[in-house]
C-alpha atoms as a PDB file:
ATOM      1  CA  MET A   1      52.557  46.835 170.180  1.00  0.00           C
ATOM      2  CA  THR A   2      49.324  45.943 169.022  1.00  0.00           C
ATOM      3  CA  GLY A   3      48.692  42.886 166.476  1.00  0.00           C
ATOM      4  CA  PHE A   4      48.599  44.577 163.393  1.00  0.00           C
ATOM      5  CA  GLU A   5      51.461  47.002 164.420  1.00  0.00           C
ATOM      6  CA  SER A   6      53.688  43.709 164.663  1.00  0.00           C
ATOM      7  CA  ARG A   7      52.847  42.926 161.192  1.00  0.00           C
ATOM      8  CA  CYS A   8      54.686  45.554 159.726  1.00  0.00           C
ATOM      9  CA  THR A   9      58.402  46.541 159.550  1.00  0.00           C
ATOM     10  CA  LEU A  10      59.125  49.672 162.221  1.00  0.00           C
ATOM     11  CA  ARG A  11      61.968  51.345 162.005  1.00  0.00           C
ATOM     12  CA  SER A  12      63.432  53.523 164.920  1.00  0.00           C
ATOM     13  CA  GLU A  13      66.195  54.743 165.111  1.00  0.00           C
ATOM     14  CA  LYS A  14      68.171  57.402 167.728  1.00  0.00           C
ATOM     15  CA  SER A  15      69.732  59.539 165.476  1.00  0.00           C
ATOM     16  CA  PRO A  16      69.011  61.314 161.682  1.00  0.00           C
ATOM     17  CA  PHE A  17      68.968  58.889 159.247  1.00  0.00           C
ATOM     18  CA  LYS A  18      67.910  58.322 155.697  1.00  0.00           C
ATOM     19  CA  ILE A  19      65.347  56.086 154.713  1.00  0.00           C
ATOM     20  CA  CYS A  20      65.652  56.092 151.017  1.00  0.00           C
ATOM     21  CA  ASP A  21      67.578  57.821 148.395  1.00  0.00           C
ATOM     22  CA  ARG A  22      66.613  61.461 149.034  1.00  0.00           C
ATOM     23  CA  VAL A  23      64.353  60.977 151.997  1.00  0.00           C
ATOM     24  CA  TYR A  24      65.488  61.356 155.743  1.00  0.00           C
ATOM     25  CA  GLN A  25      64.141  61.368 159.218  1.00  0.00           C
ATOM     26  CA  VAL A  26      65.771  64.445 160.763  1.00  0.00           C
ATOM     27  CA  GLY A  27      63.221  65.086 164.441  1.00  0.00           C
ATOM     28  CA  GLY A  28      61.054  62.681 166.309  1.00  0.00           C
ATOM     29  CA  PRO A  29      60.586  61.497 169.979  1.00  0.00           C
ATOM     30  CA  ASP A  30      64.427  60.290 169.814  1.00  0.00           C
ATOM     31  CA  LEU A  31      65.491  62.299 167.532  1.00  0.00           C
ATOM     32  CA  SER A  32      64.840  66.029 168.487  1.00  0.00           C
ATOM     33  CA  SER A  33      62.270  66.150 171.464  1.00  0.00           C
ATOM     34  CA  GLY A  34      59.724  64.061 173.179  1.00  0.00           C
ATOM     35  CA  GLN A  35      56.719  66.098 172.236  1.00  0.00           C
ATOM     36  CA  ASP A  36      57.427  65.875 168.592  1.00  0.00           C
ATOM     37  CA  CYS A  37      56.070  64.473 165.844  1.00  0.00           C
ATOM     38  CA  CYS A  38      58.261  62.248 163.481  1.00  0.00           C
ATOM     39  CA  VAL A  39      60.017  65.304 160.861  1.00  0.00           C
ATOM     40  CA  TYR A  40      60.923  64.376 157.500  1.00  0.00           C
ATOM     41  CA  LEU A  41      63.215  66.264 154.802  1.00  0.00           C
ATOM     42  CA  LEU A  42      62.838  65.871 151.087  1.00  0.00           C
ATOM     43  CA  ASP A  43      66.129  66.565 149.317  1.00  0.00           C
ATOM     44  CA  GLY A  44      65.687  67.877 145.205  1.00  0.00           C
ATOM     45  CA  ASP A  45      69.228  67.901 144.570  1.00  0.00           C
ATOM     46  CA  GLY A  46      68.850  71.559 145.695  1.00  0.00           C
ATOM     47  CA  PRO A  47      66.034  72.685 147.072  1.00  0.00           C
ATOM     48  CA  LEU A  48      64.881  70.956 150.686  1.00  0.00           C
ATOM     49  CA  CYS A  49      60.994  70.173 151.833  1.00  0.00           C
ATOM     50  CA  LEU A  50      60.369  69.496 155.372  1.00  0.00           C
ATOM     51  CA  ILE A  51      57.573  67.752 155.992  1.00  0.00           C
ATOM     52  CA  ASP A  52      55.970  69.060 159.699  1.00  0.00           C
ATOM     53  CA  SER A  53      58.036  70.921 162.088  1.00  0.00           C
ATOM     54  CA  GLY A  54      57.935  69.738 165.336  1.00  0.00           C
ATOM     55  CA  CYS A  55      56.588  71.207 168.539  1.00  0.00           C
ATOM     56  CA  GLY A  56      58.655  73.836 169.087  1.00  0.00           C
ATOM     57  CA  PRO A  57      61.008  72.918 171.714  1.00  0.00           C
ATOM     58  CA  GLY A  58      62.518  70.578 169.722  1.00  0.00           C
ATOM     59  CA  TYR A  59      63.680  73.013 166.652  1.00  0.00           C
ATOM     60  CA  LYS A  60      67.343  73.199 167.460  1.00  0.00           C
ATOM     61  CA  SER A  61      67.800  69.549 167.350  1.00  0.00           C
ATOM     62  CA  ILE A  62      65.839  69.317 164.404  1.00  0.00           C
ATOM     63  CA  VAL A  63      68.192  71.716 162.354  1.00  0.00           C
ATOM     64  CA  ALA A  64      71.303  69.939 163.763  1.00  0.00           C
ATOM     65  CA  ASN A  65      69.995  66.827 162.798  1.00  0.00           C
ATOM     66  CA  ILE A  66      69.644  68.695 158.934  1.00  0.00           C
ATOM     67  CA  ILE A  67      73.504  69.406 159.272  1.00  0.00           C
ATOM     68  CA  ARG A  68      73.850  65.822 160.375  1.00  0.00           C
ATOM     69  CA  VAL A  69      72.527  64.253 157.454  1.00  0.00           C
ATOM     70  CA  GLY A  70      74.512  66.349 154.965  1.00  0.00           C
ATOM     71  CA  PHE A  71      72.138  69.300 154.065  1.00  0.00           C
ATOM     72  CA  GLU A  72      72.096  73.188 155.368  1.00  0.00           C
ATOM     73  CA  PRO A  73      69.041  74.229 156.262  1.00  0.00           C
ATOM     74  CA  GLU A  74      68.875  77.478 154.910  1.00  0.00           C
ATOM     75  CA  ARG A  75      68.381  75.598 151.591  1.00  0.00           C
ATOM     76  CA  ILE A  76      65.172  74.293 152.770  1.00  0.00           C
ATOM     77  CA  ASP A  77      62.301  76.160 150.588  1.00  0.00           C
ATOM     78  CA  THR A  78      59.163  74.455 151.571  1.00  0.00           C
ATOM     79  CA  LEU A  79      57.777  73.535 154.943  1.00  0.00           C
ATOM     80  CA  LEU A  80      54.636  71.363 154.422  1.00  0.00           C
ATOM     81  CA  LEU A  81      52.174  71.057 157.144  1.00  0.00           C
ATOM     82  CA  THR A  82      50.015  67.853 157.658  1.00  0.00           C
ATOM     83  CA  HIS A  83      47.817  69.522 159.639  1.00  0.00           C
ATOM     84  CA  CYS A  84      47.289  71.141 162.503  1.00  0.00           C
ATOM     85  CA  HIS A  85      48.476  69.908 165.687  1.00  0.00           C
ATOM     86  CA  ILE A  86      50.736  71.855 167.704  1.00  0.00           C
ATOM     87  CA  ASP A  87      53.328  68.658 167.593  1.00  0.00           C
ATOM     88  CA  HIS A  88      53.538  68.965 164.241  1.00  0.00           C
ATOM     89  CA  VAL A  89      53.459  72.458 163.656  1.00  0.00           C
ATOM     90  CA  GLY A  90      54.816  74.269 166.747  1.00  0.00           C
ATOM     91  CA  ALA A  91      57.927  75.123 164.911  1.00  0.00           C
ATOM     92  CA  ALA A  92      56.835  76.500 161.931  1.00  0.00           C
ATOM     93  CA  SER A  93      56.962  80.410 162.538  1.00  0.00           C
ATOM     94  CA  LEU A  94      60.405  79.541 163.996  1.00  0.00           C
ATOM     95  CA  PHE A  95      61.687  78.161 160.356  1.00  0.00           C
ATOM     96  CA  ARG A  96      60.399  80.908 158.541  1.00  0.00           C
ATOM     97  CA  VAL A  97      61.755  83.667 161.056  1.00  0.00           C
ATOM     98  CA  GLU A  98      65.307  81.822 160.287  1.00  0.00           C
ATOM     99  CA  TYR A  99      65.661  80.386 156.978  1.00  0.00           C
ATOM    100  CA  GLY A 100      62.656  82.179 155.371  1.00  0.00           C
ATOM    101  CA  VAL A 101      60.429  78.937 154.297  1.00  0.00           C
ATOM    102  CA  ASP A 102      57.214  79.301 152.406  1.00  0.00           C
ATOM    103  CA  ILE A 103      54.401  77.485 154.863  1.00  0.00           C
ATOM    104  CA  VAL A 104      52.077  75.074 152.926  1.00  0.00           C
ATOM    105  CA  ALA A 105      49.071  73.731 154.415  1.00  0.00           C
ATOM    106  CA  HIS A 106      45.238  72.685 153.598  1.00  0.00           C
ATOM    107  CA  GLU A 107      42.832  75.601 154.046  1.00  0.00           C
ATOM    108  CA  LYS A 108      40.088  73.962 156.069  1.00  0.00           C
ATOM    109  CA  ASP A 109      43.257  73.213 158.711  1.00  0.00           C
ATOM    110  CA  SER A 110      44.638  76.960 158.739  1.00  0.00           C
ATOM    111  CA  ALA A 111      42.265  78.679 159.651  1.00  0.00           C
ATOM    112  CA  PRO A 112      43.240  77.758 163.729  1.00  0.00           C
ATOM    113  CA  LEU A 113      46.552  78.263 162.654  1.00  0.00           C
ATOM    114  CA  GLU A 114      46.304  81.774 161.457  1.00  0.00           C
ATOM    115  CA  ALA A 115      44.334  82.324 164.758  1.00  0.00           C
ATOM    116  CA  GLY A 116      46.868  80.520 167.127  1.00  0.00           C
ATOM    117  CA  ASP A 117      44.066  78.335 168.256  1.00  0.00           C
ATOM    118  CA  ARG A 118      44.879  76.489 171.431  1.00  0.00           C
ATOM    119  CA  LEU A 119      42.140  73.850 170.981  1.00  0.00           C
ATOM    120  CA  MET A 120      41.978  72.939 167.735  1.00  0.00           C
ATOM    121  CA  THR A 121      45.453  72.843 167.985  1.00  0.00           C
ATOM    122  CA  ALA A 122      45.542  70.898 170.705  1.00  0.00           C
ATOM    123  CA  ALA A 123      48.228  73.404 171.920  1.00  0.00           C
ATOM    124  CA  PHE A 124      46.598  73.373 175.333  1.00  0.00           C
ATOM    125  CA  LEU A 125      47.506  69.442 176.309  1.00  0.00           C
ATOM    126  CA  TYR A 126      51.320  70.281 175.476  1.00  0.00           C
ATOM    127  CA  GLY A 127      51.520  73.204 177.676  1.00  0.00           C
ATOM    128  CA  VAL A 128      53.164  75.149 174.807  1.00  0.00           C
ATOM    129  CA  ARG A 129      52.462  78.473 173.599  1.00  0.00           C
ATOM    130  CA  LEU A 130      51.078  79.137 170.362  1.00  0.00           C
ATOM    131  CA  ASP A 131      51.475  82.408 168.402  1.00  0.00           C
ATOM    132  CA  PRO A 132      49.088  82.648 165.155  1.00  0.00           C
ATOM    133  CA  ILE A 133      51.027  81.003 162.259  1.00  0.00           C
ATOM    134  CA  ALA A 134      50.872  82.859 158.510  1.00  0.00           C
ATOM    135  CA  ILE A 135      50.137  80.460 156.015  1.00  0.00           C
ATOM    136  CA  ASP A 136      51.737  81.105 152.645  1.00  0.00           C
ATOM    137  CA  ARG A 137      50.012  78.635 150.374  1.00  0.00           C
ATOM    138  CA  LYS A 138      46.785  76.853 151.009  1.00  0.00           C
ATOM    139  CA  LEU A 139      45.877  74.113 149.503  1.00  0.00           C
ATOM    140  CA  GLU A 140      42.276  72.928 148.385  1.00  0.00           C
ATOM    141  CA  LEU A 141      42.157  70.181 145.667  1.00  0.00           C
ATOM    142  CA  ASP A 142      43.714  66.643 145.758  1.00  0.00           C
ATOM    143  CA  GLY A 143      46.559  66.492 143.417  1.00  0.00           C
ATOM    144  CA  GLU A 144      47.775  70.190 143.991  1.00  0.00           C
ATOM    145  CA  GLU A 145      51.452  70.195 143.104  1.00  0.00           C
ATOM    146  CA  ILE A 146      54.844  70.939 145.170  1.00  0.00           C
ATOM    147  CA  VAL A 147      57.550  71.426 143.594  1.00  0.00           C
ATOM    148  CA  VAL A 148      61.782  70.534 145.202  1.00  0.00           C
ATOM    149  CA  GLY A 149      63.993  70.864 142.904  1.00  0.00           C
ATOM    150  CA  ASP A 150      63.902  67.871 140.061  1.00  0.00           C
ATOM    151  CA  LEU A 151      61.407  66.078 142.558  1.00  0.00           C
ATOM    152  CA  VAL A 152      57.141  66.719 142.912  1.00  0.00           C
ATOM    153  CA  LEU A 153      55.714  66.160 145.816  1.00  0.00           C
ATOM    154  CA  ARG A 154      51.636  65.628 145.345  1.00  0.00           C
ATOM    155  CA  THR A 155      49.177  66.334 147.782  1.00  0.00           C
ATOM    156  CA  LEU A 156      45.963  64.583 148.640  1.00  0.00           C
ATOM    157  CA  HIS A 157      42.886  65.940 151.490  1.00  0.00           C
ATOM    158  CA  THR A 158      43.035  63.022 153.875  1.00  0.00           C
ATOM    159  CA  PRO A 159      40.406  64.622 156.181  1.00  0.00           C
ATOM    160  CA  GLY A 160      39.438  62.363 159.512  1.00  0.00           C
ATOM    161  CA  HIS A 161      41.898  63.447 162.402  1.00  0.00           C
ATOM    162  CA  THR A 162      41.098  66.795 161.704  1.00  0.00           C
ATOM    163  CA  PRO A 163      38.840  68.439 158.813  1.00  0.00           C
ATOM    164  CA  GLY A 164      42.281  69.823 156.604  1.00  0.00           C
ATOM    165  CA  SER A 165      44.624  67.086 157.288  1.00  0.00           C
ATOM    166  CA  ILE A 166      46.749  66.354 154.292  1.00  0.00           C
ATOM    167  CA  SER A 167      48.953  63.411 152.551  1.00  0.00           C
ATOM    168  CA  ALA A 168      51.533  63.678 150.412  1.00  0.00           C
ATOM    169  CA  TYR A 169      54.000  61.291 148.372  1.00  0.00           C
ATOM    170  CA  THR A 170      56.564  61.230 145.424  1.00  0.00           C
ATOM    171  CA  ASP A 171      58.102  58.883 143.391  1.00  0.00           C
ATOM    172  CA  ILE A 172      61.830  58.446 143.560  1.00  0.00           C
ATOM    173  CA  ASP A 173      62.815  56.527 140.628  1.00  0.00           C
ATOM    174  CA  LYS A 174      60.738  53.629 140.702  1.00  0.00           C
ATOM    175  CA  THR A 175      60.033  53.892 144.726  1.00  0.00           C
ATOM    176  CA  ARG A 176      56.695  55.561 145.419  1.00  0.00           C
ATOM    177  CA  VAL A 177      57.077  56.948 149.204  1.00  0.00           C
ATOM    178  CA  LEU A 178      53.788  58.081 150.999  1.00  0.00           C
ATOM    179  CA  PHE A 179      54.067  61.170 154.137  1.00  0.00           C
ATOM    180  CA  GLY A 180      50.920  59.855 155.857  1.00  0.00           C
ATOM    181  CA  GLN A 181      50.913  61.746 158.800  1.00  0.00           C
ATOM    182  CA  ASP A 182      49.188  60.100 162.105  1.00  0.00           C
ATOM    183  CA  ILE A 183      46.970  57.837 160.062  1.00  0.00           C
ATOM    184  CA  HIS A 184      46.172  55.957 163.699  1.00  0.00           C
ATOM    185  CA  GLY A 185      43.994  59.509 165.011  1.00  0.00           C
ATOM    186  CA  PRO A 186      43.040  59.879 167.530  1.00  0.00           C
ATOM    187  CA  PHE A 187      39.505  61.289 166.758  1.00  0.00           C
ATOM    188  CA  HIS A 188      38.080  63.489 168.665  1.00  0.00           C
ATOM    189  CA  PRO A 189      35.187  66.794 168.789  1.00  0.00           C
ATOM    190  CA  ASP A 190      37.642  69.873 170.064  1.00  0.00           C
ATOM    191  CA  PHE A 191      39.904  68.164 166.962  1.00  0.00           C
ATOM    192  CA  GLY A 192      36.748  68.521 163.987  1.00  0.00           C
ATOM    193  CA  SER A 193      37.477  64.560 163.353  1.00  0.00           C
ATOM    194  CA  ASP A 194      35.383  62.637 161.480  1.00  0.00           C
ATOM    195  CA  ILE A 195      36.057  58.632 160.973  1.00  0.00           C
ATOM    196  CA  LYS A 196      33.895  58.228 158.227  1.00  0.00           C
ATOM    197  CA  GLU A 197      35.450  60.703 156.226  1.00  0.00           C
ATOM    198  CA  TRP A 198      38.869  59.030 157.641  1.00  0.00           C
ATOM    199  CA  ARG A 199      37.945  55.974 156.001  1.00  0.00           C
ATOM    200  CA  HIS A 200      37.606  57.384 152.652  1.00  0.00           C
ATOM    201  CA  SER A 201      40.650  58.721 153.151  1.00  0.00           C
ATOM    202  CA  MET A 202      42.481  55.620 153.977  1.00  0.00           C
ATOM    203  CA  ASP A 203      40.981  54.287 151.276  1.00  0.00           C
ATOM    204  CA  LYS A 204      42.835  57.043 148.868  1.00  0.00           C
ATOM    205  CA  LEU A 205      46.097  56.296 150.543  1.00  0.00           C
ATOM    206  CA  LEU A 206      45.816  52.393 149.829  1.00  0.00           C
ATOM    207  CA  ALA A 207      45.304  53.375 145.856  1.00  0.00           C
ATOM    208  CA  LEU A 208      48.525  54.421 145.735  1.00  0.00           C
ATOM    209  CA  ASP A 209      50.514  51.319 146.491  1.00  0.00           C
ATOM    210  CA  ALA A 210      53.118  53.002 148.324  1.00  0.00           C
ATOM    211  CA  ASP A 211      56.596  51.478 148.827  1.00  0.00           C
ATOM    212  CA  VAL A 212      57.320  53.600 152.246  1.00  0.00           C
ATOM    213  CA  LEU A 213      55.459  55.064 154.138  1.00  0.00           C
ATOM    214  CA  CYS A 214      56.381  57.805 156.534  1.00  0.00           C
ATOM    215  CA  GLU A 215      54.103  57.699 159.677  1.00  0.00           C
ATOM    216  CA  GLY A 216      53.441  61.235 161.985  1.00  0.00           C
ATOM    217  CA  HIS A 217      54.591  59.072 165.269  1.00  0.00           C
ATOM    218  CA  PHE A 218      55.600  55.715 164.495  1.00  0.00           C
ATOM    219  CA  GLY A 219      57.904  55.711 162.212  1.00  0.00           C
ATOM    220  CA  ILE A 220      58.779  53.999 158.803  1.00  0.00           C
ATOM    221  CA  TYR A 221      57.399  51.139 156.888  1.00  0.00           C
ATOM    222  CA  SER A 222      58.169  48.999 154.018  1.00  0.00           C
ATOM    223  CA  PRO A 223      57.886  47.585 151.622  1.00  0.00           C
ATOM    224  CA  SER A 224      54.264  48.042 149.601  1.00  0.00           C
ATOM    225  CA  ASP A 225      52.641  44.422 151.751  1.00  0.00           C
ATOM    226  CA  ALA A 226      53.849  46.054 155.068  1.00  0.00           C
ATOM    227  CA  VAL A 227      52.881  49.585 154.267  1.00  0.00           C
ATOM    228  CA  ARG A 228      49.281  48.152 153.049  1.00  0.00           C
ATOM    229  CA  ALA A 229      48.774  45.848 156.198  1.00  0.00           C
ATOM    230  CA  TYR A 230      49.424  49.100 159.077  1.00  0.00           C
ATOM    231  CA  ILE A 231      46.623  51.120 157.316  1.00  0.00           C
ATOM    232  CA  GLU A 232      44.179  48.340 156.955  1.00  0.00           C
ATOM    233  CA  GLY A 233      45.364  47.547 160.173  1.00  0.00           C
ATOM    234  CA  TYR A 234      43.710  50.561 161.670  1.00  0.00           C
ATOM    235  CA  LEU A 235      40.568  50.119 159.217  1.00  0.00           C
ATOM    236  CA  GLU A 236      39.894  46.715 161.134  1.00  0.00           C
ATOM    237  CA  HIS A 237      40.517  48.316 164.695  1.00  0.00           C
ATOM    238  CA  PHE A 238      38.356  51.039 164.187  1.00  0.00           C
ATOM    239  CA  ALA A 239      35.607  48.699 162.543  1.00  0.00           C
ATOM    240  CA  ARG A 240      35.122  47.359 165.676  1.00  0.00           C
END
């Protein structure tokens, strides 16, 4: 763990768990498969939204974890893909086939997903087959909303890691929860990365002053000063 990460509150569990009211972690390296990103579930008091789907091999474990935290996967209406990399999208089509979910992604990352592009999606690095993934809704503008029952999930285009990376946040009572996947990068030409755009994206996230950050690989950060320290730590790291 680097110095800036140690200033933050990092939570790691080996069972699915409740992060805060209405938000759960149901997938990740210690929860479903070592190839999976962190997978989050948002409860709209009826309808559910899944944030990313994992790589694919851990799909059944993610479904079981949804049931373990007290929900039926049939209630998932929407699957939000934060970017096109295989560890975030590999099980998306499985959720569509079994549960009829609508798959949402940014339009700038939709092309590699719909083409099954093994390079842009990094599938070649994981040794996982990627069939084309049809995207039901393509986001284009900041502030586009996804209604999840009685909650509203607001999206932001946060390019840098990939051209179509997005972040999303929701306000639950007085708690602002930010889903900011892969804030840490990495950045590589094969992924269409742009570190200058990423810095602007991080400024957008800092402006939200979120109380809870649900990150893509390093878990949960809270309260707001820990969220800020985590983001600013990477800005300092990549400024060197």
